[in-house]
Protein backbone atom coordinates (compact mmCIF):
# COMPACT_ATOMS: atom_id res chain seq x y z
CA UNK A 1 -29.28 -7.28 52.70
CA UNK A 2 -31.76 -8.26 49.97
CA UNK A 3 -32.52 -11.33 47.90
CA UNK A 4 -33.67 -10.29 44.43
CA UNK A 5 -35.77 -12.82 42.50
CA UNK A 6 -36.09 -12.39 38.72
CA UNK A 7 -37.85 -14.70 36.28
CA UNK A 8 -38.86 -14.96 32.63
CA UNK A 9 -42.12 -16.87 32.60
CA UNK A 10 -44.19 -17.74 29.54
CA UNK A 11 -47.95 -18.18 29.91
CA UNK A 12 -49.92 -19.79 27.08
CA UNK A 13 -53.41 -18.74 25.99
CA UNK A 14 -54.94 -17.88 29.38
CA UNK A 15 -56.46 -15.23 31.62
CA UNK A 16 -54.94 -15.83 35.04
CA UNK A 17 -55.75 -12.33 36.35
CA UNK A 18 -58.67 -10.40 34.91
CA UNK A 19 -59.94 -6.87 35.40
CA UNK A 20 -63.43 -5.70 36.38
CA UNK A 21 -64.74 -6.42 32.89
CA UNK A 22 -63.21 -9.89 32.65
CA UNK A 23 -60.36 -8.88 30.35
CA UNK A 24 -56.72 -9.79 30.99
CA UNK A 25 -55.10 -6.92 32.85
CA UNK A 26 -52.78 -4.73 30.80
CA UNK A 27 -50.52 -1.69 31.00
CA UNK A 28 -48.69 0.71 28.70
CA UNK A 29 -44.91 0.40 28.98
CA UNK A 30 -42.37 1.69 26.52
CA UNK A 31 -45.21 3.18 24.51
CA UNK A 32 -46.80 -0.21 23.79
CA UNK A 33 -49.54 -2.27 25.34
CA UNK A 34 -48.41 -5.18 27.49
CA UNK A 35 -50.40 -7.89 29.25
CA UNK A 36 -50.01 -7.63 33.03
CA UNK A 37 -50.52 -9.89 36.03
CA UNK A 38 -50.96 -7.92 39.25
CA UNK A 39 -48.61 -8.40 42.16
CA UNK A 40 -51.59 -9.09 44.43
CA UNK A 41 -52.73 -11.97 42.24
CA UNK A 42 -49.36 -13.72 42.12
CA UNK A 43 -48.71 -13.01 45.82
CA UNK A 44 -51.97 -14.63 46.85
CA UNK A 45 -51.31 -17.77 44.79
CA UNK A 46 -47.79 -18.03 46.22
CA UNK A 47 -48.91 -17.27 49.78
CA UNK A 48 -51.57 -19.99 49.85
CA UNK A 49 -49.13 -22.58 48.53
CA UNK A 50 -46.38 -21.46 50.91
CA UNK A 51 -48.71 -21.70 53.90
CA UNK A 52 -49.64 -25.21 52.82
CA UNK A 53 -45.98 -26.22 52.55
CA UNK A 54 -44.92 -24.81 55.91
CA UNK A 55 -48.23 -25.73 57.60
CA UNK A 56 -48.97 -22.21 58.82
CA UNK A 57 -52.41 -21.23 57.46
CA UNK A 58 -53.87 -17.74 57.74
CA UNK A 59 -57.24 -16.25 56.93
CA UNK A 60 -58.39 -12.91 55.53
CA UNK A 61 -61.88 -12.15 56.76
CA UNK A 62 -64.43 -9.64 57.99
CA UNK A 63 -66.27 -12.39 59.85
CA UNK A 64 -64.21 -12.94 62.99
CA UNK A 65 -67.28 -12.33 65.21
CA UNK A 66 -69.27 -14.83 63.16
CA UNK A 67 -66.52 -17.45 63.39
CA UNK A 68 -66.19 -17.03 67.16
CA UNK A 69 -69.96 -17.31 67.52
CA UNK A 70 -70.03 -20.51 65.44
CA UNK A 71 -67.22 -22.10 67.47
CA UNK A 72 -68.87 -21.26 70.78
CA UNK A 73 -72.23 -22.65 69.67
CA UNK A 74 -70.40 -25.90 68.84
CA UNK A 75 -69.03 -25.82 72.40
CA UNK A 76 -72.53 -25.60 73.86
CA UNK A 77 -73.13 -21.86 74.20
CA UNK A 78 -76.61 -20.56 73.40
CA UNK A 79 -76.80 -18.75 70.02
CA UNK A 80 -77.47 -15.38 71.68
CA UNK A 81 -74.63 -15.64 74.18
CA UNK A 82 -72.26 -16.89 71.47
CA UNK A 83 -73.23 -13.89 69.38
CA UNK A 84 -72.57 -11.58 72.32
CA UNK A 85 -69.09 -13.09 72.60
CA UNK A 86 -68.28 -12.68 68.91
CA UNK A 87 -69.33 -9.06 68.96
CA UNK A 88 -67.54 -8.40 72.24
CA UNK A 89 -64.12 -9.48 70.99
CA UNK A 90 -64.16 -7.32 67.86
CA UNK A 91 -65.59 -4.33 69.75
CA UNK A 92 -62.90 -4.73 72.43
CA UNK A 93 -60.40 -4.34 69.59
CA UNK A 94 -61.96 -1.02 68.59
CA UNK A 95 -63.78 -2.32 65.53
CA UNK A 96 -67.46 -2.01 64.71
CA UNK A 97 -69.59 -5.05 63.93
CA UNK A 98 -72.70 -4.55 61.82
CA UNK A 99 -75.81 -4.75 64.00
CA UNK A 100 -77.55 -7.31 61.78
CA UNK A 101 -74.72 -9.40 60.30
CA UNK A 102 -71.92 -9.03 62.91
CA UNK A 103 -69.48 -8.47 60.00
CA UNK A 104 -66.73 -5.89 60.50
CA UNK A 105 -66.18 -3.07 58.04
CA UNK A 106 -62.46 -3.86 57.73
CA UNK A 107 -60.76 -7.00 56.46
CA UNK A 108 -58.39 -8.61 58.95
CA UNK A 109 -55.52 -10.93 58.06
CA UNK A 110 -54.81 -13.34 60.89
CA UNK A 111 -53.30 -16.72 61.74
CA UNK A 112 -56.01 -19.37 61.57
CA UNK A 113 -55.49 -20.18 65.25
CA UNK A 114 -56.88 -16.80 66.29
CA UNK A 115 -60.51 -17.91 66.27
CA UNK A 116 -59.76 -20.68 68.76
CA UNK A 117 -57.79 -18.27 70.97
CA UNK A 118 -60.68 -15.79 70.99
CA UNK A 119 -63.16 -18.53 71.83
CA UNK A 120 -60.95 -19.62 74.75
CA UNK A 121 -60.86 -16.01 75.95
CA UNK A 122 -64.64 -15.80 75.75
CA UNK A 123 -64.93 -18.91 77.91
CA UNK A 124 -62.72 -17.26 80.53
CA UNK A 125 -64.99 -14.17 80.63
CA UNK A 126 -68.35 -15.84 80.13
CA UNK A 127 -70.11 -14.07 83.01
CA UNK A 128 -69.12 -10.64 81.64
CA UNK A 129 -70.12 -11.54 78.09
CA UNK A 130 -73.56 -12.99 78.84
CA UNK A 131 -74.54 -9.73 80.53
CA UNK A 132 -73.87 -7.66 77.39
CA UNK A 133 -76.81 -6.36 75.34
CA UNK A 134 -77.42 -7.39 71.74
CA UNK A 135 -78.25 -4.81 69.01
CA UNK A 136 -81.90 -3.93 68.71
CA UNK A 137 -83.43 -5.07 65.43
CA UNK A 138 -86.83 -4.25 63.94
CA UNK A 139 -89.44 -6.80 62.89
CA UNK A 140 -87.66 -7.28 59.57
CA UNK A 141 -84.36 -8.09 61.23
CA UNK A 142 -82.81 -4.75 60.28
CA UNK A 143 -81.01 -2.46 62.73
CA UNK A 144 -83.30 0.04 64.42
CA UNK A 145 -82.65 3.62 63.43
CA UNK A 146 -81.03 5.64 66.17
CA UNK A 147 -80.34 9.33 66.52
CA UNK A 148 -76.74 10.54 66.52
CA UNK A 149 -76.86 10.99 70.29
CA UNK A 150 -78.26 7.51 70.78
CA UNK A 151 -75.56 5.99 68.56
CA UNK A 152 -72.79 7.79 70.42
CA UNK A 153 -74.21 6.73 73.76
CA UNK A 154 -74.40 3.14 72.55
CA UNK A 155 -70.77 3.16 71.36
CA UNK A 156 -69.57 4.66 74.64
CA UNK A 157 -71.49 2.11 76.71
CA UNK A 158 -70.18 -0.79 74.60
CA UNK A 159 -66.57 0.33 74.94
CA UNK A 160 -66.93 0.61 78.69
CA UNK A 161 -68.55 -2.83 78.93
CA UNK A 162 -65.78 -4.62 77.01
CA UNK A 163 -62.83 -2.53 78.20
CA UNK A 164 -61.46 -5.35 80.36
CA UNK A 165 -61.17 -7.51 77.24
CA UNK A 166 -59.22 -4.95 75.23
CA UNK A 167 -55.71 -6.00 76.22
CA UNK A 168 -56.01 -9.79 75.78
CA UNK A 169 -58.02 -9.37 72.55
CA UNK A 170 -55.36 -7.02 71.18
CA UNK A 171 -52.62 -9.52 71.99
CA UNK A 172 -54.51 -12.20 70.10
CA UNK A 173 -55.51 -10.16 67.04
CA UNK A 174 -52.02 -8.69 66.68
CA UNK A 175 -50.49 -12.14 66.29
CA UNK A 176 -48.55 -12.69 63.08
CA UNK A 177 -47.40 -15.67 61.07
CA UNK A 178 -44.39 -16.16 58.80
CA UNK A 179 -46.37 -15.10 55.74
CA UNK A 180 -47.83 -12.05 57.49
CA UNK A 181 -44.30 -10.97 58.43
CA UNK A 182 -43.12 -11.70 54.90
CA UNK A 183 -45.87 -9.89 53.00
CA UNK A 184 -47.12 -7.34 55.57
CA UNK A 185 -50.57 -6.14 56.56
CA UNK A 186 -52.11 -2.77 57.27
CA UNK A 187 -55.07 -1.52 59.29
CA UNK A 188 -55.23 2.27 59.25
CA UNK A 189 -57.47 2.59 62.33
CA UNK A 190 -55.29 0.24 64.39
CA UNK A 191 -51.61 1.02 63.73
CA UNK A 192 -50.26 -1.64 66.08
CA UNK A 193 -51.98 -4.28 63.92
CA UNK A 194 -49.89 -3.12 60.96
CA UNK A 195 -46.88 -5.21 59.94
CA UNK A 196 -44.34 -3.84 57.46
CA UNK A 197 -43.81 -6.64 54.96
CA UNK A 198 -40.27 -7.75 54.24
CA UNK A 199 -41.16 -8.56 50.62
CA UNK A 200 -41.94 -6.32 47.65
CA UNK A 201 -43.50 -7.86 44.55
CA UNK A 202 -43.73 -6.12 41.18
CA UNK A 203 -46.55 -6.47 38.67
CA UNK A 204 -45.49 -8.95 36.00
CA UNK A 205 -45.67 -7.71 32.40
CA UNK A 206 -44.96 -9.12 28.98
CA UNK A 207 -41.54 -8.27 27.55
CA UNK A 208 -43.23 -7.69 24.20
CA UNK A 209 -46.29 -5.91 22.89
CA UNK A 210 -49.43 -7.94 23.55
CA UNK A 211 -53.19 -7.51 23.48
CA UNK A 212 -56.18 -9.63 24.51
CA UNK A 213 -57.81 -12.00 22.05
CA UNK A 214 -61.57 -12.59 21.92
CA UNK A 215 -62.76 -16.17 22.09
CA UNK A 216 -66.30 -16.82 20.83
CA UNK A 217 -67.75 -19.91 22.45
CA UNK A 218 -71.02 -21.81 22.64
CA UNK A 219 -72.55 -24.38 24.97
CA UNK A 220 -74.92 -27.02 23.65
CA UNK A 221 -78.24 -27.73 25.38
CA UNK A 222 -78.16 -31.54 25.56
CA UNK A 223 -81.92 -31.81 26.06
CA UNK A 224 -82.96 -29.38 23.31
CA UNK A 225 -84.82 -30.91 20.32
CA UNK A 226 -82.32 -29.35 17.91
CA UNK A 227 -78.54 -29.09 17.81
CA UNK A 228 -78.44 -25.33 18.40
CA UNK A 229 -76.46 -23.66 21.11
CA UNK A 230 -78.03 -23.17 24.52
CA UNK A 231 -75.58 -20.39 25.37
CA UNK A 232 -73.46 -17.97 23.33
CA UNK A 233 -70.78 -15.65 24.71
CA UNK A 234 -67.27 -14.32 24.32
CA UNK A 235 -64.30 -14.38 26.66
CA UNK A 236 -60.91 -12.72 26.51
CA UNK A 237 -57.52 -14.39 26.78
CA UNK A 238 -53.89 -13.55 26.09
CA UNK A 239 -50.45 -15.14 26.00
CA UNK A 240 -46.91 -13.91 26.43
CA UNK A 241 -43.51 -14.07 28.07
CA UNK A 242 -43.53 -12.14 31.34
CA UNK A 243 -40.79 -10.50 33.36
CA UNK A 244 -41.39 -11.13 37.06
CA UNK A 245 -39.57 -9.56 40.00
CA UNK A 246 -39.65 -9.83 43.77
CA UNK A 247 -37.24 -8.73 46.48
CA UNK A 248 -36.95 -9.85 50.12
CA UNK A 249 -35.43 -7.68 52.84
CA UNK A 250 -33.58 -10.43 54.67
CA UNK A 251 -32.53 -8.49 57.76
CA UNK A 252 -36.04 -7.12 58.26
CA UNK A 253 -37.58 -10.56 57.94
CA UNK A 254 -35.13 -12.04 60.44
CA UNK A 255 -36.02 -9.25 62.88
CA UNK A 256 -39.74 -9.93 62.34
CA UNK A 257 -39.43 -13.63 63.12
CA UNK A 258 -36.63 -13.39 65.66
CA UNK A 259 -34.92 -16.54 64.40
CA UNK A 260 -32.44 -16.61 61.53
CA UNK A 261 -32.78 -20.31 60.75
CA UNK A 262 -36.57 -20.16 60.52
CA UNK A 263 -36.41 -17.01 58.42
CA UNK A 264 -33.94 -18.59 56.01
CA UNK A 265 -36.11 -21.71 55.61
CA UNK A 266 -39.19 -19.58 54.88
CA UNK A 267 -37.30 -17.40 52.38
CA UNK A 268 -36.08 -20.46 50.49
CA UNK A 269 -39.59 -21.94 50.49
CA UNK A 270 -41.06 -18.59 49.38
CA UNK A 271 -38.55 -18.33 46.53
CA UNK A 272 -39.43 -21.73 45.12
CA UNK A 273 -43.16 -21.22 45.67
CA UNK A 274 -43.26 -17.74 44.15
CA UNK A 275 -41.50 -19.06 41.05
CA UNK A 276 -43.51 -22.24 40.52
CA UNK A 277 -47.15 -21.25 41.09
CA UNK A 278 -49.52 -19.51 38.68
CA UNK A 279 -52.66 -17.56 39.67
CA UNK A 280 -55.79 -19.67 39.30
CA UNK A 281 -57.89 -17.41 37.04
CA UNK A 282 -59.64 -19.42 34.30
CA UNK A 283 -57.56 -22.44 35.33
CA UNK A 284 -60.22 -24.99 34.41
CA UNK A 285 -60.56 -23.66 30.87
CA UNK A 286 -56.89 -22.95 30.09
CA UNK A 287 -54.70 -25.05 32.48
CA UNK A 288 -51.84 -22.54 32.25
CA UNK A 289 -49.63 -24.45 34.68
CA UNK A 290 -46.23 -23.38 33.37
CA UNK A 291 -42.99 -22.62 35.18
CA UNK A 292 -40.30 -20.03 34.45
CA UNK A 293 -37.76 -20.77 31.74
CA UNK A 294 -35.15 -18.60 33.42
CA UNK A 295 -34.63 -17.75 37.09
CA UNK A 296 -31.99 -15.27 38.22
CA UNK A 297 -31.29 -14.74 41.93
CA UNK A 298 -28.98 -12.12 43.41
CA UNK A 299 -27.95 -11.20 46.96
CA UNK A 300 -27.43 -7.45 47.14
CA UNK A 301 -27.13 -4.59 49.63
CA UNK A 302 -29.98 -2.77 47.83
CA UNK A 303 -32.79 -4.16 45.64
CA UNK A 304 -32.53 -3.71 41.87
CA UNK A 305 -35.31 -4.47 39.38
CA UNK A 306 -34.34 -5.25 35.80
CA UNK A 307 -37.66 -4.10 34.32
CA UNK A 308 -35.87 -1.28 32.50
CA UNK A 309 -34.29 -3.82 30.18
CA UNK A 310 -37.69 -4.44 28.62
CA UNK A 311 -38.79 -0.80 28.26
CA UNK A 312 -38.11 -1.35 24.57
CA UNK A 313 -40.44 -4.21 23.63
CA UNK A 314 -38.96 -7.34 22.09
CA UNK A 315 -40.04 -8.21 18.58
CA UNK A 316 -39.91 -11.60 16.89
CA UNK A 317 -39.93 -12.96 13.35
CA UNK A 318 -41.73 -16.09 14.40
CA UNK A 319 -38.97 -17.65 16.47
CA UNK A 320 -40.52 -16.74 19.83
CA UNK A 321 -39.70 -14.20 22.51
CA UNK A 322 -37.94 -16.27 25.16
CA UNK A 323 -34.42 -16.53 23.76
CA UNK A 324 -34.34 -12.83 22.93
CA UNK A 325 -35.71 -12.02 26.38
CA UNK A 326 -32.92 -14.05 28.01
CA UNK A 327 -30.27 -12.24 25.96
CA UNK A 328 -31.86 -8.87 26.72
CA UNK A 329 -31.95 -9.57 30.45
CA UNK A 330 -28.33 -10.73 30.42
CA UNK A 331 -27.07 -7.73 28.43
CA UNK A 332 -29.04 -5.21 30.50
CA UNK A 333 -27.77 -6.74 33.77
CA UNK A 334 -24.16 -6.46 32.60
CA UNK A 335 -24.68 -2.82 31.59
CA UNK A 336 -26.27 -2.00 34.95
CA UNK A 337 -23.41 -3.65 36.81
CA UNK A 338 -20.88 -1.61 34.85
CA UNK A 339 -22.88 1.57 35.41
CA UNK A 340 -23.30 1.05 39.16
CA UNK A 341 -19.97 -0.64 39.76
CA UNK A 342 -21.80 -3.17 41.90
CA UNK A 343 -22.49 -6.78 40.98
CA UNK A 344 -23.85 -7.67 44.41
CA UNK A 345 -22.32 -10.20 46.76
CA UNK A 346 -23.62 -13.27 44.92
CA UNK A 347 -25.74 -14.19 41.90
CA UNK A 348 -26.78 -17.31 40.06
CA UNK A 349 -29.26 -18.54 37.50
CA UNK A 350 -30.98 -21.66 36.25
CA UNK A 351 -33.47 -22.49 33.54
CA UNK A 352 -34.44 -24.42 30.45
CA UNK A 353 -32.64 -22.33 27.83
CA UNK A 354 -29.14 -22.83 26.45
CA UNK A 355 -28.48 -19.15 25.74
CA UNK A 356 -25.10 -17.94 26.97
CA UNK A 357 -25.54 -15.69 30.02
CA UNK A 358 -22.37 -14.03 31.25
CA UNK A 359 -24.00 -11.43 33.48
CA UNK A 360 -26.29 -13.62 35.55
CA UNK A 361 -23.75 -15.25 37.81
CA UNK A 362 -23.09 -18.96 38.23
CA UNK A 363 -25.22 -21.42 36.29
CA UNK A 364 -26.92 -24.18 38.29
CA UNK A 365 -28.52 -27.27 36.82
CA UNK A 366 -31.76 -27.08 38.79
CA UNK A 367 -33.95 -24.68 40.71
CA UNK A 368 -33.28 -26.69 43.87
CA UNK A 369 -29.52 -26.21 43.47
CA UNK A 370 -29.97 -22.52 42.74
CA UNK A 371 -32.13 -21.81 45.80
CA UNK A 372 -29.87 -23.88 48.05
CA UNK A 373 -26.81 -21.90 46.96
CA UNK A 374 -28.77 -18.67 47.36
CA UNK A 375 -29.45 -19.64 50.98
CA UNK A 376 -25.75 -20.29 51.52
CA UNK A 377 -24.95 -16.89 50.01
CA UNK A 378 -27.49 -15.21 52.29
CA UNK A 379 -25.88 -16.87 55.33
CA UNK A 380 -22.45 -15.70 54.24
CA UNK A 381 -23.60 -12.16 53.52
CA UNK A 382 -25.44 -11.86 56.84
CA UNK A 383 -22.47 -13.25 58.74
CA UNK A 384 -20.12 -10.80 57.05
CA UNK A 385 -22.49 -7.94 57.86
CA UNK A 386 -22.67 -9.00 61.50
CA UNK A 387 -18.88 -8.90 61.88
CA UNK A 388 -18.54 -5.39 60.41
């Protein structure tokens, strides 16, 4: 069972998600250029806000060893012994910490409580940890060069020394939170760290042709003897009405968390958060804090994106894109339902427009009403599935 989340969301002149050159991201769809906001960008903004709302913070970092070291120093450990502990816990997990920085090569995504748990574990095994060697550095603080045989011998000795920590460290670093279960994580070298996310998020794209606009700007030097600019540059921005889509595998998420009530609360919170946050790129200079003008939710046995409805770009004669986008989404949804013979088990919509929508299910006055009824529909659908 899936909850499909669709939205039409207009962003004003902004650049909430830029590419490597600072331009708004784009794509070619239907033979025309569209402005795009990556799924990763919108997921991160929604995840951080969701974790704040449900009070379940996580951290993405390569500096677990550094964080453990810092915490242990605050607890009274000597800097060298605290460093030994930080390195020991990541090496017990099968990761490699850089000899000079103690940073791992891979990025871990973990509940924020993990650092404290690892520090507690280090305190339990202090005698073992303080006997471990530290990497040899040269006079400049750089790792000493070792032959291949020396490196292999060092790795083998380290693994043997921290082998007794492997199991408890693995239990700690494999912990997951609601958002980790919802969005998933992957670590190729450590498969049991991987979590298959219950949510899929599409890249948002404008329903119409769009291209970046160049903004020439200056900054005045207040202390200069003349009124000339102290800085000249250009920046790129864009605007448009975006189609956004996300789907949640409800059964998978319930299995991940092991509690239906908790899973349902998180899904409802995720739905509202995903719809009402905007990525923070160039926020101070554009303040693009808008919300969707149309939200369509559907409970289905299989996910179904409606992106195909906008393969043909919408054109306007100066009366905007939103109303036409709403009509297009409604018409395309009705045609898909007729084609598939499947309208799903429940659907509903809410928004700011007054366009007639016959294919988007029941109309609700507010987003709160819509998400609440979606939760009720999910309960009903899951209960019906359980009795089959």
